[in-house]
Protein backbone atom coordinates (compact mmCIF):
# COMPACT_ATOMS: atom_id res chain seq x y z
CA UNK A 1 -31.67 3.28 -41.29
CA UNK A 2 -29.54 0.80 -40.23
CA UNK A 3 -31.83 -0.84 -37.48
CA UNK A 4 -35.28 -1.51 -36.40
CA UNK A 5 -36.06 -3.41 -33.24
CA UNK A 6 -39.00 -4.79 -32.67
CA UNK A 7 -40.56 -6.23 -29.60
CA UNK A 8 -43.84 -7.13 -28.38
CA UNK A 9 -45.13 -6.89 -25.11
CA UNK A 10 -47.71 -8.78 -23.06
CA UNK A 11 -47.96 -7.97 -19.28
CA UNK A 12 -44.47 -7.87 -18.57
CA UNK A 13 -43.24 -4.26 -18.21
CA UNK A 14 -40.34 -4.66 -15.94
CA UNK A 15 -38.95 -7.34 -18.19
CA UNK A 16 -39.13 -4.89 -21.17
CA UNK A 17 -37.67 -1.93 -19.27
CA UNK A 18 -34.67 -4.17 -18.32
CA UNK A 19 -34.64 -4.76 -22.07
CA UNK A 20 -35.29 -1.34 -23.21
CA UNK A 21 -32.64 -0.45 -20.88
CA UNK A 22 -29.83 -2.52 -22.34
CA UNK A 23 -30.48 -1.85 -25.76
CA UNK A 24 -30.24 1.82 -24.79
CA UNK A 25 -26.89 1.04 -23.27
CA UNK A 26 -25.35 -0.71 -26.35
CA UNK A 27 -22.50 0.85 -27.79
CA UNK A 28 -24.62 1.76 -31.19
CA UNK A 29 -22.77 4.31 -34.33
CA UNK A 30 -25.94 4.26 -36.04
CA UNK A 31 -29.39 5.61 -36.18
CA UNK A 32 -31.96 2.74 -35.19
CA UNK A 33 -35.94 2.66 -34.20
CA UNK A 34 -37.97 0.59 -31.45
CA UNK A 35 -40.81 -0.61 -31.58
CA UNK A 36 -42.79 -1.80 -28.69
CA UNK A 37 -46.20 -3.26 -30.03
CA UNK A 38 -48.54 -3.78 -26.93
CA UNK A 39 -50.88 -6.61 -27.32
CA UNK A 40 -53.80 -4.69 -25.18
CA UNK A 41 -51.32 -5.53 -21.65
CA UNK A 42 -53.79 -4.69 -18.27
CA UNK A 43 -50.99 -4.33 -16.23
CA UNK A 44 -50.29 -0.30 -17.25
CA UNK A 45 -47.43 -1.33 -19.42
CA UNK A 46 -48.44 1.70 -21.78
CA UNK A 47 -48.36 4.19 -19.22
CA UNK A 48 -45.54 2.94 -17.12
CA UNK A 49 -42.85 2.24 -20.15
CA UNK A 50 -44.23 5.99 -21.60
CA UNK A 51 -43.26 7.41 -18.83
CA UNK A 52 -39.89 6.01 -18.15
CA UNK A 53 -38.66 6.08 -22.04
CA UNK A 54 -39.83 9.63 -23.73
CA UNK A 55 -36.55 8.91 -26.22
CA UNK A 56 -37.96 9.89 -30.00
CA UNK A 57 -36.80 6.75 -31.47
CA UNK A 58 -38.90 4.77 -29.35
CA UNK A 59 -42.48 4.12 -31.29
CA UNK A 60 -45.51 2.56 -28.98
CA UNK A 61 -48.23 0.39 -31.39
CA UNK A 62 -51.12 0.21 -28.35
CA UNK A 63 -53.42 -2.83 -29.73
CA UNK A 64 -56.64 -3.21 -28.34
CA UNK A 65 -57.07 -7.21 -28.52
CA UNK A 66 -54.57 -9.76 -28.74
CA UNK A 67 -53.84 -10.62 -32.70
CA UNK A 68 -51.02 -13.12 -31.12
CA UNK A 69 -46.85 -12.92 -31.79
CA UNK A 70 -46.84 -12.99 -35.89
CA UNK A 71 -49.31 -10.24 -36.41
CA UNK A 72 -48.24 -7.70 -33.84
CA UNK A 73 -44.76 -7.71 -35.35
CA UNK A 74 -45.91 -7.48 -38.39
CA UNK A 75 -47.30 -4.59 -37.95
CA UNK A 76 -44.30 -2.90 -36.62
CA UNK A 77 -42.21 -4.50 -39.62
CA UNK A 78 -44.96 -2.61 -42.29
CA UNK A 79 -43.34 0.64 -40.41
CA UNK A 80 -39.78 0.16 -39.86
CA UNK A 81 -37.30 1.81 -42.21
CA UNK A 82 -34.54 0.00 -41.14
CA UNK A 83 -31.90 -2.01 -43.00
CA UNK A 84 -32.58 -4.79 -40.69
CA UNK A 85 -34.78 -5.71 -38.50
CA UNK A 86 -34.41 -7.62 -35.11
CA UNK A 87 -37.62 -9.54 -33.69
CA UNK A 88 -36.70 -9.70 -29.66
CA UNK A 89 -38.22 -10.69 -26.82
CA UNK A 90 -38.83 -8.25 -24.15
CA UNK A 91 -37.66 -10.78 -21.18
CA UNK A 92 -34.04 -10.39 -22.65
CA UNK A 93 -31.22 -8.60 -22.51
CA UNK A 94 -28.58 -7.45 -24.98
CA UNK A 95 -24.44 -6.92 -23.96
CA UNK A 96 -23.04 -3.59 -25.36
CA UNK A 97 -21.95 -5.02 -28.10
CA UNK A 98 -24.39 -7.55 -29.52
CA UNK A 99 -26.27 -5.98 -31.56
CA UNK A 100 -23.27 -3.87 -33.47
CA UNK A 101 -21.75 -6.82 -33.83
CA UNK A 102 -24.55 -8.34 -35.68
CA UNK A 103 -24.65 -5.71 -37.61
CA UNK A 104 -21.28 -5.90 -38.29
CA UNK A 105 -21.91 -9.66 -38.99
CA UNK A 106 -24.53 -9.10 -41.69
CA UNK A 107 -22.98 -6.18 -43.38
CA UNK A 108 -19.49 -8.66 -44.10
CA UNK A 109 -21.97 -11.79 -45.30
CA UNK A 110 -24.63 -10.03 -48.00
CA UNK A 111 -26.40 -13.62 -48.18
CA UNK A 112 -26.90 -13.68 -44.77
CA UNK A 113 -30.97 -13.24 -44.59
CA UNK A 114 -30.81 -14.18 -40.65
CA UNK A 115 -28.60 -14.61 -37.75
CA UNK A 116 -29.25 -15.45 -34.49
CA UNK A 117 -27.24 -15.54 -31.46
CA UNK A 118 -26.43 -17.37 -27.82
CA UNK A 119 -28.79 -17.08 -25.21
CA UNK A 120 -28.33 -17.80 -21.55
CA UNK A 121 -31.28 -18.26 -19.24
CA UNK A 122 -31.86 -16.74 -15.71
CA UNK A 123 -29.53 -19.39 -14.16
CA UNK A 124 -26.12 -19.05 -16.69
CA UNK A 125 -27.68 -21.84 -18.51
CA UNK A 126 -27.39 -22.51 -22.52
CA UNK A 127 -30.73 -22.26 -24.63
CA UNK A 128 -30.43 -25.19 -27.14
CA UNK A 129 -32.96 -23.39 -28.75
CA UNK A 130 -30.36 -20.45 -29.87
CA UNK A 131 -29.38 -22.57 -32.79
CA UNK A 132 -31.95 -25.24 -34.25
CA UNK A 133 -32.34 -28.02 -37.23
CA UNK A 134 -34.92 -28.18 -39.99
CA UNK A 135 -37.73 -30.01 -37.39
CA UNK A 136 -38.25 -33.29 -40.00
CA UNK A 137 -40.07 -35.91 -39.26
CA UNK A 138 -37.13 -37.67 -37.91
CA UNK A 139 -35.87 -35.01 -35.86
CA UNK A 140 -39.21 -34.29 -34.59
CA UNK A 141 -39.27 -38.34 -33.69
CA UNK A 142 -36.22 -38.29 -31.95
CA UNK A 143 -36.93 -35.19 -29.66
CA UNK A 144 -40.61 -36.15 -28.56
CA UNK A 145 -39.34 -39.89 -27.37
CA UNK A 146 -36.29 -38.30 -25.86
CA UNK A 147 -33.73 -39.99 -28.34
CA UNK A 148 -32.15 -36.37 -28.83
CA UNK A 149 -31.89 -36.23 -25.16
CA UNK A 150 -29.92 -39.61 -24.55
CA UNK A 151 -27.85 -38.91 -26.94
CA UNK A 152 -27.68 -34.92 -27.27
CA UNK A 153 -23.93 -34.59 -29.55
CA UNK A 154 -25.34 -37.19 -31.86
CA UNK A 155 -25.51 -35.84 -35.79
CA UNK A 156 -27.88 -38.73 -36.51
CA UNK A 157 -30.37 -38.67 -33.32
CA UNK A 158 -29.45 -35.11 -32.34
CA UNK A 159 -30.72 -33.06 -35.73
CA UNK A 160 -33.13 -30.97 -33.94
CA UNK A 161 -31.21 -28.61 -31.41
CA UNK A 162 -27.80 -29.34 -33.08
CA UNK A 163 -26.00 -29.55 -29.84
CA UNK A 164 -23.09 -31.41 -31.76
CA UNK A 165 -22.33 -27.23 -32.90
CA UNK A 166 -20.01 -25.67 -30.55
CA UNK A 167 -21.79 -22.79 -28.97
CA UNK A 168 -18.79 -20.86 -29.06
CA UNK A 169 -18.26 -20.47 -32.76
CA UNK A 170 -20.18 -19.40 -35.79
CA UNK A 171 -22.26 -22.30 -37.82
CA UNK A 172 -25.00 -21.40 -40.47
CA UNK A 173 -28.31 -23.38 -38.90
CA UNK A 174 -31.60 -24.24 -40.63
CA UNK A 175 -34.00 -22.73 -37.83
CA UNK A 176 -33.55 -19.18 -35.43
CA UNK A 177 -35.57 -18.49 -32.40
CA UNK A 178 -37.46 -15.45 -32.76
CA UNK A 179 -36.75 -14.46 -29.45
CA UNK A 180 -33.69 -12.96 -30.93
CA UNK A 181 -33.50 -12.88 -34.98
CA UNK A 182 -32.00 -10.13 -36.83
CA UNK A 183 -33.14 -10.37 -40.73
CA UNK A 184 -31.76 -8.55 -43.51
CA UNK A 185 -35.48 -6.33 -44.92
CA UNK A 186 -34.57 -7.45 -48.88
CA UNK A 187 -34.49 -10.74 -47.20
CA UNK A 188 -37.91 -10.43 -45.54
CA UNK A 189 -39.23 -9.22 -48.82
CA UNK A 190 -38.22 -11.56 -50.67
CA UNK A 191 -39.57 -14.71 -48.47
CA UNK A 192 -42.81 -12.22 -47.11
CA UNK A 193 -43.76 -11.13 -43.93
CA UNK A 194 -44.34 -13.50 -40.37
CA UNK A 195 -47.23 -16.22 -41.14
CA UNK A 196 -50.49 -15.04 -38.78
CA UNK A 197 -51.24 -18.68 -38.84
CA UNK A 198 -49.58 -18.94 -35.94
CA UNK A 199 -50.37 -16.72 -32.80
CA UNK A 200 -47.19 -17.51 -31.50
CA UNK A 201 -44.93 -20.31 -31.42
CA UNK A 202 -43.94 -22.09 -34.85
CA UNK A 203 -43.42 -18.60 -36.78
CA UNK A 204 -40.06 -17.99 -36.22
CA UNK A 205 -39.57 -22.03 -37.60
CA UNK A 206 -41.51 -21.24 -40.46
CA UNK A 207 -39.72 -18.08 -41.11
CA UNK A 208 -36.39 -19.34 -40.99
CA UNK A 209 -37.37 -22.06 -43.52
CA UNK A 210 -38.94 -19.54 -46.22
CA UNK A 211 -35.66 -16.97 -46.07
CA UNK A 212 -33.82 -20.10 -47.04
CA UNK A 213 -36.02 -20.52 -49.91
CA UNK A 214 -35.54 -17.53 -50.82
CA UNK A 215 -32.21 -18.00 -51.42
CA UNK A 216 -30.20 -16.53 -48.50
CA UNK A 217 -28.79 -18.30 -45.34
CA UNK A 218 -29.56 -18.42 -41.47
CA UNK A 219 -26.31 -18.16 -38.99
CA UNK A 220 -25.74 -18.65 -35.48
CA UNK A 221 -23.06 -15.93 -33.51
CA UNK A 222 -21.90 -16.65 -30.11
CA UNK A 223 -23.02 -13.15 -29.56
CA UNK A 224 -24.52 -13.72 -25.95
CA UNK A 225 -27.46 -11.99 -24.74
CA UNK A 226 -29.92 -13.18 -21.16
CA UNK A 227 -33.15 -14.80 -22.07
CA UNK A 228 -35.60 -14.83 -19.10
CA UNK A 229 -37.56 -18.37 -20.90
CA UNK A 230 -40.97 -17.92 -20.99
CA UNK A 231 -41.30 -15.04 -18.91
CA UNK A 232 -43.13 -13.35 -21.75
CA UNK A 233 -46.14 -15.91 -21.84
CA UNK A 234 -48.40 -17.65 -19.24
CA UNK A 235 -47.57 -21.23 -19.77
CA UNK A 236 -50.38 -22.30 -17.22
CA UNK A 237 -53.03 -20.31 -19.67
CA UNK A 238 -55.04 -23.25 -21.73
CA UNK A 239 -54.69 -21.07 -25.12
CA UNK A 240 -51.24 -20.51 -24.82
CA UNK A 241 -50.69 -24.24 -24.04
CA UNK A 242 -53.49 -24.53 -27.25
CA UNK A 243 -51.23 -22.68 -29.39
CA UNK A 244 -48.26 -23.88 -28.66
CA UNK A 245 -49.13 -27.51 -29.93
CA UNK A 246 -51.50 -25.87 -32.33
CA UNK A 247 -48.29 -23.97 -33.93
CA UNK A 248 -46.78 -28.06 -34.45
CA UNK A 249 -50.18 -28.88 -36.22
CA UNK A 250 -50.11 -25.96 -38.66
CA UNK A 251 -46.17 -26.10 -39.22
CA UNK A 252 -46.68 -29.71 -40.23
CA UNK A 253 -49.85 -29.39 -42.20
CA UNK A 254 -47.90 -26.61 -43.76
CA UNK A 255 -44.68 -28.50 -45.02
CA UNK A 256 -45.56 -32.37 -44.95
CA UNK A 257 -49.52 -32.54 -46.63
CA UNK A 258 -49.17 -35.59 -48.34
CA UNK A 259 -47.11 -37.35 -45.49
CA UNK A 260 -50.62 -39.36 -44.04
CA UNK A 261 -48.51 -41.17 -41.41
CA UNK A 262 -46.79 -38.94 -39.79
CA UNK A 263 -50.02 -36.70 -40.05
CA UNK A 264 -51.65 -38.75 -38.35
CA UNK A 265 -49.05 -39.34 -36.18
CA UNK A 266 -48.27 -35.26 -34.66
CA UNK A 267 -51.70 -34.87 -34.61
CA UNK A 268 -52.51 -37.76 -32.27
CA UNK A 269 -49.52 -36.90 -29.81
CA UNK A 270 -50.56 -33.33 -29.94
CA UNK A 271 -54.30 -33.88 -29.06
CA UNK A 272 -52.93 -36.63 -26.56
CA UNK A 273 -50.01 -33.98 -25.15
CA UNK A 274 -53.39 -31.20 -25.10
CA UNK A 275 -55.46 -33.41 -23.29
CA UNK A 276 -52.84 -34.41 -20.62
CA UNK A 277 -52.20 -30.78 -19.70
CA UNK A 278 -55.86 -29.61 -19.60
CA UNK A 279 -56.67 -32.89 -17.42
CA UNK A 280 -53.72 -31.55 -15.03
CA UNK A 281 -55.13 -28.03 -14.93
CA UNK A 282 -58.66 -29.18 -14.02
CA UNK A 283 -56.81 -31.39 -11.33
CA UNK A 284 -54.46 -28.87 -10.02
CA UNK A 285 -51.55 -31.04 -11.06
CA UNK A 286 -48.76 -29.03 -11.07
CA UNK A 287 -45.06 -29.53 -11.29
CA UNK A 288 -43.27 -28.83 -8.24
CA UNK A 289 -41.66 -25.46 -8.19
CA UNK A 290 -37.91 -24.63 -7.98
CA UNK A 291 -36.86 -23.55 -4.27
CA UNK A 292 -34.16 -21.37 -4.58
CA UNK A 293 -32.90 -20.49 -0.81
CA UNK A 294 -31.83 -16.90 -0.53
CA UNK A 295 -28.10 -17.95 -0.17
CA UNK A 296 -28.72 -19.08 -4.35
CA UNK A 297 -29.72 -16.28 -5.34
CA UNK A 298 -27.35 -13.62 -7.03
CA UNK A 299 -28.14 -10.00 -7.33
CA UNK A 300 -26.04 -7.64 -9.90
CA UNK A 301 -26.68 -3.84 -9.68
CA UNK A 302 -26.54 -2.08 -13.11
CA UNK A 303 -24.66 0.80 -11.21
CA UNK A 304 -22.17 -1.13 -10.29
CA UNK A 305 -21.80 -3.75 -13.16
CA UNK A 306 -22.31 -3.20 -16.90
CA UNK A 307 -24.61 -5.42 -19.14
CA UNK A 308 -21.74 -7.25 -20.75
CA UNK A 309 -20.18 -7.56 -17.41
CA UNK A 310 -23.55 -9.17 -15.92
CA UNK A 311 -23.58 -11.73 -18.92
CA UNK A 312 -20.25 -12.36 -18.72
CA UNK A 313 -20.06 -13.47 -14.96
CA UNK A 314 -23.55 -15.89 -15.83
CA UNK A 315 -22.26 -17.44 -18.61
CA UNK A 316 -18.97 -17.91 -16.58
CA UNK A 317 -20.68 -19.78 -13.83
CA UNK A 318 -23.19 -21.61 -15.35
CA UNK A 319 -25.38 -23.51 -12.24
CA UNK A 320 -29.02 -24.07 -12.43
CA UNK A 321 -29.36 -23.74 -8.32
CA UNK A 322 -28.39 -20.15 -8.44
CA UNK A 323 -31.25 -17.59 -9.68
CA UNK A 324 -29.39 -14.24 -11.16
CA UNK A 325 -31.35 -11.25 -10.73
CA UNK A 326 -30.52 -7.80 -11.92
CA UNK A 327 -31.63 -4.27 -10.61
């Protein structure tokens, strides 16, 4: 088995349907398997998807509770037989050649422990988390206080998102995103499974770091996928707000246990941010929604275009005022 694809689902059956369709439409000349781990969805995901995808290489794991992203992935990793393990978000769409090209790259680079790709969002914009630097205290400080935004292409100030690296070239990078992270099983065996202390968020940073500690390299490839960022989680849910900022605290406590000053800085910043968001929730204060007129909605039909062609069009016409939809 060359590839095991693991997708954790929680109440996004329609996004996941498109994701699976794009995988099945891929040009793959090797054996692969897909694991769908459902974290106790309430939208009828399992029944819906089982009816749509009866293929023998698609396996469903049904959790009766929501154990979190890391633990759900680990459930499938323990069953996976692939030489490579792909962690993939359900709100993604891959082009026809992405999976084959990434596997081919890893075949040619035996020291590659994990590979990430160029992700674009629903308006065609490049997602900077596609390639990231290690979140050192300095890089995190620049990110939190906006210095990285002021000087995004600066090596000194922009170490968090590495925007000074060409997004259309291959790079060795420290941190990859869990939305698309292809991992060599051998490297995963040495580095260990995802840290289940992270409910969601932060586990990809932690795993990327441990893969490097195990003696492997992480790479960014300009292979493009669509990632409808955030569609697989409810950002208004206080549980996820706490999980996001809690993950930051777990990470810094794990890798900077003796840096008391920075620990206090991070802890205070996280608690303040959580309190502000919780207060805003109680007061029902929310960011104004972006109004997209019908004239700025572009619909692609997969009966007319391949997923590869759709991604090409989105990537070549980046426009934040346009919303792309795929049918």
